[in-house]
């Protein structure tokens, strides 16, 4: 499978692609409404997937937030928020004294 570069515009599809690849699932099995339970993603799988998402989108998701993910939709929402916060931080750098 050829990986697309991760962008905010293709975030949902990129999350699905990473899950398909990691869990070795058929692409049609994973949708935005899929839960981790439906996909066979346990806590160990999630601990392996999280760094892949962070690397793909060049963000960091704190563990105290990541532990609440239970679905593809949750992951997409977390990553959208993290990417938006990163863009905001880059757009308004700290003033130099």
PDB file of N, CA and C in Angstrom:
ATOM      1  N   UNK A   1       0.842  -1.171   0.000  1.00  0.00           N
ATOM      2  CA  UNK A   1       0.000   0.000   0.000  1.00  0.00           C
ATOM      3  C   UNK A   1       0.892   1.241   0.000  1.00  0.00           C
ATOM      4  N   UNK A   2       0.619   2.177  -0.887  1.00  0.00           N
ATOM      5  CA  UNK A   2       1.371   3.423  -0.958  1.00  0.00           C
ATOM      6  C   UNK A   2       0.763   4.409   0.021  1.00  0.00           C
ATOM      7  N   UNK A   3       1.594   4.949   0.895  1.00  0.00           N
ATOM      8  CA  UNK A   3       1.114   5.898   1.889  1.00  0.00           C
ATOM      9  C   UNK A   3       1.048   7.289   1.317  1.00  0.00           C
ATOM     10  N   UNK A   4      -0.075   7.983   1.596  1.00  0.00           N
ATOM     11  CA  UNK A   4      -0.200   9.382   1.243  1.00  0.00           C
ATOM     12  C   UNK A   4       0.433  10.195   2.364  1.00  0.00           C
ATOM     13  N   UNK A   5       0.990  11.352   2.051  1.00  0.00           N
ATOM     14  CA  UNK A   5       1.467  12.197   3.134  1.00  0.00           C
ATOM     15  C   UNK A   5       0.270  12.610   3.993  1.00  0.00           C
ATOM     16  N   UNK A   6       0.455  12.699   5.284  1.00  0.00           N
ATOM     17  CA  UNK A   6      -0.626  13.056   6.187  1.00  0.00           C
ATOM     18  C   UNK A   6      -0.846  14.564   6.185  1.00  0.00           C
ATOM     19  N   UNK A   7      -2.075  14.960   5.928  1.00  0.00           N
ATOM     20  CA  UNK A   7      -2.458  16.369   5.968  1.00  0.00           C
ATOM     21  C   UNK A   7      -3.789  16.467   6.688  1.00  0.00           C
ATOM     22  N   UNK A   8      -4.153  17.670   7.092  1.00  0.00           N
ATOM     23  CA  UNK A   8      -5.438  17.862   7.754  1.00  0.00           C
ATOM     24  C   UNK A   8      -6.584  17.488   6.816  1.00  0.00           C
ATOM     25  N   UNK A   9      -6.379  17.736   5.532  1.00  0.00           N
ATOM     26  CA  UNK A   9      -7.424  17.475   4.549  1.00  0.00           C
ATOM     27  C   UNK A   9      -7.691  15.976   4.367  1.00  0.00           C
ATOM     28  N   UNK A  10      -6.675  15.146   4.524  1.00  0.00           N
ATOM     29  CA  UNK A  10      -6.880  13.699   4.344  1.00  0.00           C
ATOM     30  C   UNK A  10      -6.758  12.942   5.669  1.00  0.00           C
ATOM     31  N   UNK A  11      -6.916  13.662   6.775  1.00  0.00           N
ATOM     32  CA  UNK A  11      -6.698  13.081   8.093  1.00  0.00           C
ATOM     33  C   UNK A  11      -7.543  11.829   8.328  1.00  0.00           C
ATOM     34  N   UNK A  12      -8.822  11.907   8.070  1.00  0.00           N
ATOM     35  CA  UNK A  12      -9.700  10.762   8.318  1.00  0.00           C
ATOM     36  C   UNK A  12      -9.252   9.532   7.528  1.00  0.00           C
ATOM     37  N   UNK A  13      -8.978   9.705   6.248  1.00  0.00           N
ATOM     38  CA  UNK A  13      -8.551   8.566   5.425  1.00  0.00           C
ATOM     39  C   UNK A  13      -7.194   8.040   5.870  1.00  0.00           C
ATOM     40  N   UNK A  14      -6.311   8.926   6.264  1.00  0.00           N
ATOM     41  CA  UNK A  14      -4.978   8.518   6.709  1.00  0.00           C
ATOM     42  C   UNK A  14      -5.057   7.696   7.994  1.00  0.00           C
ATOM     43  N   UNK A  15      -5.939   8.100   8.917  1.00  0.00           N
ATOM     44  CA  UNK A  15      -6.151   7.333  10.148  1.00  0.00           C
ATOM     45  C   UNK A  15      -6.655   5.941   9.801  1.00  0.00           C
ATOM     46  N   UNK A  16      -7.640   5.879   8.914  1.00  0.00           N
ATOM     47  CA  UNK A  16      -8.184   4.585   8.490  1.00  0.00           C
ATOM     48  C   UNK A  16      -7.098   3.738   7.846  1.00  0.00           C
ATOM     49  N   UNK A  17      -6.298   4.336   6.970  1.00  0.00           N
ATOM     50  CA  UNK A  17      -5.218   3.589   6.293  1.00  0.00           C
ATOM     51  C   UNK A  17      -4.219   3.020   7.299  1.00  0.00           C
ATOM     52  N   UNK A  18      -3.852   3.806   8.300  1.00  0.00           N
ATOM     53  CA  UNK A  18      -2.898   3.327   9.308  1.00  0.00           C
ATOM     54  C   UNK A  18      -3.483   2.175  10.124  1.00  0.00           C
ATOM     55  N   UNK A  19      -4.757   2.268  10.458  1.00  0.00           N
ATOM     56  CA  UNK A  19      -5.406   1.190  11.200  1.00  0.00           C
ATOM     57  C   UNK A  19      -5.483  -0.068  10.348  1.00  0.00           C
ATOM     58  N   UNK A  20      -5.877   0.080   9.085  1.00  0.00           N
ATOM     59  CA  UNK A  20      -5.951  -1.065   8.162  1.00  0.00           C
ATOM     60  C   UNK A  20      -4.593  -1.755   8.093  1.00  0.00           C
ATOM     61  N   UNK A  21      -3.551  -0.972   7.918  1.00  0.00           N
ATOM     62  CA  UNK A  21      -2.203  -1.526   7.790  1.00  0.00           C
ATOM     63  C   UNK A  21      -1.754  -2.203   9.090  1.00  0.00           C
ATOM     64  N   UNK A  22      -1.924  -1.535  10.202  1.00  0.00           N
ATOM     65  CA  UNK A  22      -1.459  -2.071  11.481  1.00  0.00           C
ATOM     66  C   UNK A  22      -2.217  -3.330  11.891  1.00  0.00           C
ATOM     67  N   UNK A  23      -3.524  -3.312  11.718  1.00  0.00           N
ATOM     68  CA  UNK A  23      -4.359  -4.433  12.151  1.00  0.00           C
ATOM     69  C   UNK A  23      -4.524  -5.505  11.061  1.00  0.00           C
ATOM     70  N   UNK A  24      -3.963  -5.228   9.878  1.00  0.00           N
ATOM     71  CA  UNK A  24      -4.073  -6.146   8.742  1.00  0.00           C
ATOM     72  C   UNK A  24      -5.534  -6.464   8.423  1.00  0.00           C
ATOM     73  N   UNK A  25      -6.302  -5.389   8.248  1.00  0.00           N
ATOM     74  CA  UNK A  25      -7.722  -5.502   7.950  1.00  0.00           C
ATOM     75  C   UNK A  25      -7.984  -5.152   6.501  1.00  0.00           C
ATOM     76  N   UNK A  26      -9.123  -5.536   5.995  1.00  0.00           N
ATOM     77  CA  UNK A  26      -9.573  -5.132   4.665  1.00  0.00           C
ATOM     78  C   UNK A  26     -10.023  -3.677   4.778  1.00  0.00           C
ATOM     79  N   UNK A  27      -9.651  -2.831   3.818  1.00  0.00           N
ATOM     80  CA  UNK A  27     -10.007  -1.413   3.900  1.00  0.00           C
ATOM     81  C   UNK A  27     -11.498  -1.155   4.144  1.00  0.00           C
ATOM     82  N   UNK A  28     -12.365  -1.979   3.600  1.00  0.00           N
ATOM     83  CA  UNK A  28     -13.801  -1.782   3.792  1.00  0.00           C
ATOM     84  C   UNK A  28     -14.280  -2.061   5.205  1.00  0.00           C
ATOM     85  N   UNK A  29     -13.443  -2.694   6.014  1.00  0.00           N
ATOM     86  CA  UNK A  29     -13.820  -3.016   7.389  1.00  0.00           C
ATOM     87  C   UNK A  29     -13.719  -1.824   8.331  1.00  0.00           C
ATOM     88  N   UNK A  30     -12.970  -0.807   7.948  1.00  0.00           N
ATOM     89  CA  UNK A  30     -12.704   0.315   8.849  1.00  0.00           C
ATOM     90  C   UNK A  30     -13.398   1.565   8.312  1.00  0.00           C
ATOM     91  N   UNK A  31     -14.258   2.143   9.152  1.00  0.00           N
ATOM     92  CA  UNK A  31     -14.940   3.389   8.804  1.00  0.00           C
ATOM     93  C   UNK A  31     -14.776   4.367   9.958  1.00  0.00           C
ATOM     94  N   UNK A  32     -15.216   5.576   9.757  1.00  0.00           N
ATOM     95  CA  UNK A  32     -15.156   6.589  10.803  1.00  0.00           C
ATOM     96  C   UNK A  32     -15.955   6.145  12.029  1.00  0.00           C
ATOM     97  N   UNK A  33     -16.965   5.317  11.833  1.00  0.00           N
ATOM     98  CA  UNK A  33     -17.825   4.876  12.933  1.00  0.00           C
ATOM     99  C   UNK A  33     -17.354   3.587  13.599  1.00  0.00           C
ATOM    100  N   UNK A  34     -16.252   3.016  13.126  1.00  0.00           N
ATOM    101  CA  UNK A  34     -15.729   1.782  13.717  1.00  0.00           C
ATOM    102  C   UNK A  34     -15.206   2.039  15.130  1.00  0.00           C
ATOM    103  N   UNK A  35     -15.509   1.104  16.023  1.00  0.00           N
ATOM    104  CA  UNK A  35     -14.968   1.186  17.376  1.00  0.00           C
ATOM    105  C   UNK A  35     -13.730   0.301  17.454  1.00  0.00           C
ATOM    106  N   UNK A  36     -12.902   0.568  18.444  1.00  0.00           N
ATOM    107  CA  UNK A  36     -11.727  -0.274  18.643  1.00  0.00           C
ATOM    108  C   UNK A  36     -12.154  -1.717  18.888  1.00  0.00           C
ATOM    109  N   UNK A  37     -13.220  -1.901  19.644  1.00  0.00           N
ATOM    110  CA  UNK A  37     -13.700  -3.260  19.926  1.00  0.00           C
ATOM    111  C   UNK A  37     -14.077  -3.979  18.631  1.00  0.00           C
ATOM    112  N   UNK A  38     -14.772  -3.290  17.723  1.00  0.00           N
ATOM    113  CA  UNK A  38     -15.158  -3.890  16.445  1.00  0.00           C
ATOM    114  C   UNK A  38     -13.943  -4.280  15.609  1.00  0.00           C
ATOM    115  N   UNK A  39     -12.858  -3.523  15.751  1.00  0.00           N
ATOM    116  CA  UNK A  39     -11.671  -3.733  14.932  1.00  0.00           C
ATOM    117  C   UNK A  39     -10.627  -4.622  15.611  1.00  0.00           C
ATOM    118  N   UNK A  40     -10.916  -5.068  16.816  1.00  0.00           N
ATOM    119  CA  UNK A  40      -9.964  -5.919  17.528  1.00  0.00           C
ATOM    120  C   UNK A  40      -8.764  -5.154  18.048  1.00  0.00           C
ATOM    121  N   UNK A  41      -8.925  -3.853  18.281  1.00  0.00           N
ATOM    122  CA  UNK A  41      -7.830  -3.033  18.800  1.00  0.00           C
ATOM    123  C   UNK A  41      -7.913  -3.036  20.318  1.00  0.00           C
ATOM    124  N   UNK A  42      -6.919  -3.651  20.947  1.00  0.00           N
ATOM    125  CA  UNK A  42      -6.877  -3.661  22.408  1.00  0.00           C
ATOM    126  C   UNK A  42      -5.904  -2.580  22.887  1.00  0.00           C
ATOM    127  N   UNK A  43      -5.689  -2.517  24.190  1.00  0.00           N
ATOM    128  CA  UNK A  43      -4.835  -1.457  24.733  1.00  0.00           C
ATOM    129  C   UNK A  43      -3.398  -1.558  24.227  1.00  0.00           C
ATOM    130  N   UNK A  44      -2.922  -2.769  23.978  1.00  0.00           N
ATOM    131  CA  UNK A  44      -1.557  -2.934  23.453  1.00  0.00           C
ATOM    132  C   UNK A  44      -1.464  -2.434  22.010  1.00  0.00           C
ATOM    133  N   UNK A  45      -2.482  -2.754  21.205  1.00  0.00           N
ATOM    134  CA  UNK A  45      -2.513  -2.254  19.826  1.00  0.00           C
ATOM    135  C   UNK A  45      -2.547  -0.725  19.826  1.00  0.00           C
ATOM    136  N   UNK A  46      -3.368  -0.146  20.708  1.00  0.00           N
ATOM    137  CA  UNK A  46      -3.499   1.310  20.764  1.00  0.00           C
ATOM    138  C   UNK A  46      -2.167   1.949  21.134  1.00  0.00           C
ATOM    139  N   UNK A  47      -1.424   1.329  22.052  1.00  0.00           N
ATOM    140  CA  UNK A  47      -0.116   1.867  22.439  1.00  0.00           C
ATOM    141  C   UNK A  47       0.882   1.798  21.282  1.00  0.00           C
ATOM    142  N   UNK A  48       0.695   0.864  20.362  1.00  0.00           N
ATOM    143  CA  UNK A  48       1.545   0.786  19.173  1.00  0.00           C
ATOM    144  C   UNK A  48       1.067   1.750  18.086  1.00  0.00           C
ATOM    145  N   UNK A  49      -0.239   1.932  17.975  1.00  0.00           N
ATOM    146  CA  UNK A  49      -0.795   2.804  16.939  1.00  0.00           C
ATOM    147  C   UNK A  49      -0.568   4.287  17.235  1.00  0.00           C
ATOM    148  N   UNK A  50      -0.684   4.679  18.487  1.00  0.00           N
ATOM    149  CA  UNK A  50      -0.586   6.092  18.841  1.00  0.00           C
ATOM    150  C   UNK A  50       0.685   6.748  18.315  1.00  0.00           C
ATOM    151  N   UNK A  51       1.863   6.161  18.512  1.00  0.00           N
ATOM    152  CA  UNK A  51       3.069   6.797  17.962  1.00  0.00           C
ATOM    153  C   UNK A  51       3.059   6.885  16.423  1.00  0.00           C
ATOM    154  N   UNK A  52       2.405   5.927  15.778  1.00  0.00           N
ATOM    155  CA  UNK A  52       2.307   5.993  14.315  1.00  0.00           C
ATOM    156  C   UNK A  52       1.486   7.209  13.893  1.00  0.00           C
ATOM    157  N   UNK A  53       0.383   7.456  14.593  1.00  0.00           N
ATOM    158  CA  UNK A  53      -0.436   8.635  14.298  1.00  0.00           C
ATOM    159  C   UNK A  53       0.339   9.911  14.595  1.00  0.00           C
ATOM    160  N   UNK A  54       1.025   9.935  15.730  1.00  0.00           N
ATOM    161  CA  UNK A  54       1.789  11.123  16.100  1.00  0.00           C
ATOM    162  C   UNK A  54       2.872  11.418  15.065  1.00  0.00           C
ATOM    163  N   UNK A  55       3.536  10.388  14.601  1.00  0.00           N
ATOM    164  CA  UNK A  55       4.577  10.574  13.587  1.00  0.00           C
ATOM    165  C   UNK A  55       3.985  11.029  12.255  1.00  0.00           C
ATOM    166  N   UNK A  56       2.890  10.417  11.859  1.00  0.00           N
ATOM    167  CA  UNK A  56       2.272  10.747  10.571  1.00  0.00           C
ATOM    168  C   UNK A  56       1.822  12.207  10.510  1.00  0.00           C
ATOM    169  N   UNK A  57       1.357  12.735  11.651  1.00  0.00           N
ATOM    170  CA  UNK A  57       0.840  14.107  11.668  1.00  0.00           C
ATOM    171  C   UNK A  57       1.756  15.085  12.399  1.00  0.00           C
ATOM    172  N   UNK A  58       2.921  14.608  12.830  1.00  0.00           N
ATOM    173  CA  UNK A  58       3.914  15.441  13.498  1.00  0.00           C
ATOM    174  C   UNK A  58       3.315  16.191  14.688  1.00  0.00           C
ATOM    175  N   UNK A  59       2.590  15.444  15.522  1.00  0.00           N
ATOM    176  CA  UNK A  59       1.982  16.000  16.723  1.00  0.00           C
ATOM    177  C   UNK A  59       2.264  15.063  17.897  1.00  0.00           C
ATOM    178  N   UNK A  60       1.920  15.527  19.065  1.00  0.00           N
ATOM    179  CA  UNK A  60       2.034  14.704  20.264  1.00  0.00           C
ATOM    180  C   UNK A  60       0.678  14.711  20.971  1.00  0.00           C
ATOM    181  N   UNK A  61       0.199  13.525  21.303  1.00  0.00           N
ATOM    182  CA  UNK A  61      -1.067  13.387  22.023  1.00  0.00           C
ATOM    183  C   UNK A  61      -0.723  12.917  23.438  1.00  0.00           C
ATOM    184  N   UNK A  62      -1.030  13.718  24.450  1.00  0.00           N
ATOM    185  CA  UNK A  62      -0.728  13.306  25.822  1.00  0.00           C
ATOM    186  C   UNK A  62      -1.472  12.011  26.188  1.00  0.00           C
ATOM    187  N   UNK A  63      -0.823  11.163  26.958  1.00  0.00           N
ATOM    188  CA  UNK A  63      -1.426   9.891  27.362  1.00  0.00           C
ATOM    189  C   UNK A  63      -2.726  10.078  28.117  1.00  0.00           C
ATOM    190  N   UNK A  64      -2.832  11.154  28.919  1.00  0.00           N
ATOM    191  CA  UNK A  64      -4.056  11.358  29.684  1.00  0.00           C
ATOM    192  C   UNK A  64      -5.248  11.712  28.788  1.00  0.00           C
ATOM    193  N   UNK A  65      -4.996  12.107  27.558  1.00  0.00           N
ATOM    194  CA  UNK A  65      -6.058  12.337  26.576  1.00  0.00           C
ATOM    195  C   UNK A  65      -6.234  11.096  25.709  1.00  0.00           C
ATOM    196  N   UNK A  66      -5.141  10.513  25.273  1.00  0.00           N
ATOM    197  CA  UNK A  66      -5.184   9.345  24.384  1.00  0.00           C
ATOM    198  C   UNK A  66      -5.925   8.170  25.007  1.00  0.00           C
ATOM    199  N   UNK A  67      -5.871   8.047  26.322  1.00  0.00           N
ATOM    200  CA  UNK A  67      -6.496   6.894  26.972  1.00  0.00           C
ATOM    201  C   UNK A  67      -8.011   6.861  26.792  1.00  0.00           C
ATOM    202  N   UNK A  68      -8.618   7.961  26.368  1.00  0.00           N
ATOM    203  CA  UNK A  68     -10.067   8.004  26.181  1.00  0.00           C
ATOM    204  C   UNK A  68     -10.517   7.580  24.787  1.00  0.00           C
ATOM    205  N   UNK A  69      -9.597   7.346  23.879  1.00  0.00           N
ATOM    206  CA  UNK A  69      -9.965   6.947  22.516  1.00  0.00           C
ATOM    207  C   UNK A  69     -10.583   5.558  22.531  1.00  0.00           C
ATOM    208  N   UNK A  70     -11.719   5.441  21.880  1.00  0.00           N
ATOM    209  CA  UNK A  70     -12.420   4.162  21.787  1.00  0.00           C
ATOM    210  C   UNK A  70     -12.904   3.860  20.375  1.00  0.00           C
ATOM    211  N   UNK A  71     -12.626   4.799  19.447  1.00  0.00           N
ATOM    212  CA  UNK A  71     -13.129   4.631  18.089  1.00  0.00           C
ATOM    213  C   UNK A  71     -12.264   5.407  17.098  1.00  0.00           C
ATOM    214  N   UNK A  72     -12.486   5.121  15.830  1.00  0.00           N
ATOM    215  CA  UNK A  72     -11.797   5.862  14.770  1.00  0.00           C
ATOM    216  C   UNK A  72     -12.186   7.336  14.863  1.00  0.00           C
ATOM    217  N   UNK A  73     -13.450   7.604  15.125  1.00  0.00           N
ATOM    218  CA  UNK A  73     -13.915   8.985  15.245  1.00  0.00           C
ATOM    219  C   UNK A  73     -13.168   9.716  16.371  1.00  0.00           C
ATOM    220  N   UNK A  74     -12.938   9.038  17.504  1.00  0.00           N
ATOM    221  CA  UNK A  74     -12.192   9.640  18.617  1.00  0.00           C
ATOM    222  C   UNK A  74     -10.774  10.006  18.187  1.00  0.00           C
ATOM    223  N   UNK A  75     -10.116   9.109  17.461  1.00  0.00           N
ATOM    224  CA  UNK A  75      -8.743   9.344  17.008  1.00  0.00           C
ATOM    225  C   UNK A  75      -8.707  10.539  16.058  1.00  0.00           C
ATOM    226  N   UNK A  76      -9.636  10.575  15.120  1.00  0.00           N
ATOM    227  CA  UNK A  76      -9.690  11.683  14.160  1.00  0.00           C
ATOM    228  C   UNK A  76      -9.892  13.006  14.906  1.00  0.00           C
ATOM    229  N   UNK A  77     -10.806  13.023  15.876  1.00  0.00           N
ATOM    230  CA  UNK A  77     -11.061  14.257  16.632  1.00  0.00           C
ATOM    231  C   UNK A  77      -9.817  14.696  17.404  1.00  0.00           C
ATOM    232  N   UNK A  78      -9.131  13.756  18.043  1.00  0.00           N
ATOM    233  CA  UNK A  78      -7.906  14.084  18.789  1.00  0.00           C
ATOM    234  C   UNK A  78      -6.844  14.674  17.876  1.00  0.00           C
ATOM    235  N   UNK A  79      -6.660  14.026  16.726  1.00  0.00           N
ATOM    236  CA  UNK A  79      -5.624  14.481  15.802  1.00  0.00           C
ATOM    237  C   UNK A  79      -5.980  15.825  15.182  1.00  0.00           C
ATOM    238  N   UNK A  80      -7.247  16.051  14.833  1.00  0.00           N
ATOM    239  CA  UNK A  80      -7.656  17.359  14.298  1.00  0.00           C
ATOM    240  C   UNK A  80      -7.348  18.467  15.302  1.00  0.00           C
ATOM    241  N   UNK A  81      -7.666  18.203  16.570  1.00  0.00           N
ATOM    242  CA  UNK A  81      -7.411  19.196  17.608  1.00  0.00           C
ATOM    243  C   UNK A  81      -5.914  19.440  17.768  1.00  0.00           C
ATOM    244  N   UNK A  82      -5.126  18.381  17.796  1.00  0.00           N
ATOM    245  CA  UNK A  82      -3.675  18.520  17.951  1.00  0.00           C
ATOM    246  C   UNK A  82      -3.056  19.258  16.772  1.00  0.00           C
ATOM    247  N   UNK A  83      -3.488  18.942  15.562  1.00  0.00           N
ATOM    248  CA  UNK A  83      -2.969  19.618  14.364  1.00  0.00           C
ATOM    249  C   UNK A  83      -3.374  21.091  14.373  1.00  0.00           C
ATOM    250  N   UNK A  84      -4.618  21.373  14.731  1.00  0.00           N
ATOM    251  CA  UNK A  84      -5.081  22.763  14.786  1.00  0.00           C
ATOM    252  C   UNK A  84      -4.295  23.567  15.818  1.00  0.00           C
ATOM    253  N   UNK A  85      -4.035  22.959  16.980  1.00  0.00           N
ATOM    254  CA  UNK A  85      -3.254  23.649  18.012  1.00  0.00           C
ATOM    255  C   UNK A  85      -1.833  23.909  17.540  1.00  0.00           C
ATOM    256  N   UNK A  86      -1.249  22.940  16.841  1.00  0.00           N
ATOM    257  CA  UNK A  86       0.101  23.101  16.314  1.00  0.00           C
ATOM    258  C   UNK A  86       0.142  24.224  15.278  1.00  0.00           C
ATOM    259  N   UNK A  87      -0.833  24.237  14.383  1.00  0.00           N
ATOM    260  CA  UNK A  87      -0.883  25.299  13.357  1.00  0.00           C
ATOM    261  C   UNK A  87      -1.034  26.670  13.998  1.00  0.00           C
ATOM    262  N   UNK A  88      -1.862  26.747  15.031  1.00  0.00           N
ATOM    263  CA  UNK A  88      -2.069  28.022  15.722  1.00  0.00           C
ATOM    264  C   UNK A  88      -0.766  28.476  16.377  1.00  0.00           C
ATOM    265  N   UNK A  89      -0.055  27.548  17.003  1.00  0.00           N
ATOM    266  CA  UNK A  89       1.212  27.878  17.660  1.00  0.00           C
ATOM    267  C   UNK A  89       2.252  28.349  16.645  1.00  0.00           C
ATOM    268  N   UNK A  90       2.283  27.705  15.491  1.00  0.00           N
ATOM    269  CA  UNK A  90       3.239  28.083  14.439  1.00  0.00           C
ATOM    270  C   UNK A  90       2.875  29.438  13.855  1.00  0.00           C
ATOM    271  N   UNK A  91       1.569  29.706  13.723  1.00  0.00           N
ATOM    272  CA  UNK A  91       1.120  30.961  13.123  1.00  0.00           C
ATOM    273  C   UNK A  91       1.362  32.160  14.034  1.00  0.00           C
ATOM    274  N   UNK A  92       1.392  31.941  15.342  1.00  0.00           N
ATOM    275  CA  UNK A  92       1.620  33.053  16.264  1.00  0.00           C
ATOM    276  C   UNK A  92       2.763  32.721  17.213  1.00  0.00           C
ATOM    277  N   UNK A  93       3.999  32.823  16.693  1.00  0.00           N
ATOM    278  CA  UNK A  93       5.170  32.488  17.517  1.00  0.00           C
ATOM    279  C   UNK A  93       5.308  33.438  18.704  1.00  0.00           C
ATOM    280  N   UNK A  94       6.016  32.971  19.703  1.00  0.00           N
ATOM    281  CA  UNK A  94       6.279  33.773  20.900  1.00  0.00           C
ATOM    282  C   UNK A  94       7.106  35.001  20.519  1.00  0.00           C
ATOM    283  N   UNK A  95       6.762  36.150  21.095  1.00  0.00           N
ATOM    284  CA  UNK A  95       7.562  37.351  20.809  1.00  0.00           C
ATOM    285  C   UNK A  95       8.956  37.225  21.409  1.00  0.00           C
ATOM    286  N   UNK A  96       9.895  37.799  20.729  1.00  0.00           N
ATOM    287  CA  UNK A  96      11.286  37.781  21.195  1.00  0.00           C
ATOM    288  C   UNK A  96      11.517  39.058  21.988  1.00  0.00           C
ATOM    289  N   UNK A  97      12.039  38.903  23.191  1.00  0.00           N
ATOM    290  CA  UNK A  97      12.266  40.085  24.059  1.00  0.00           C
ATOM    291  C   UNK A  97      13.567  40.760  23.731  1.00  0.00           C
TER     292      UNK A  97
END
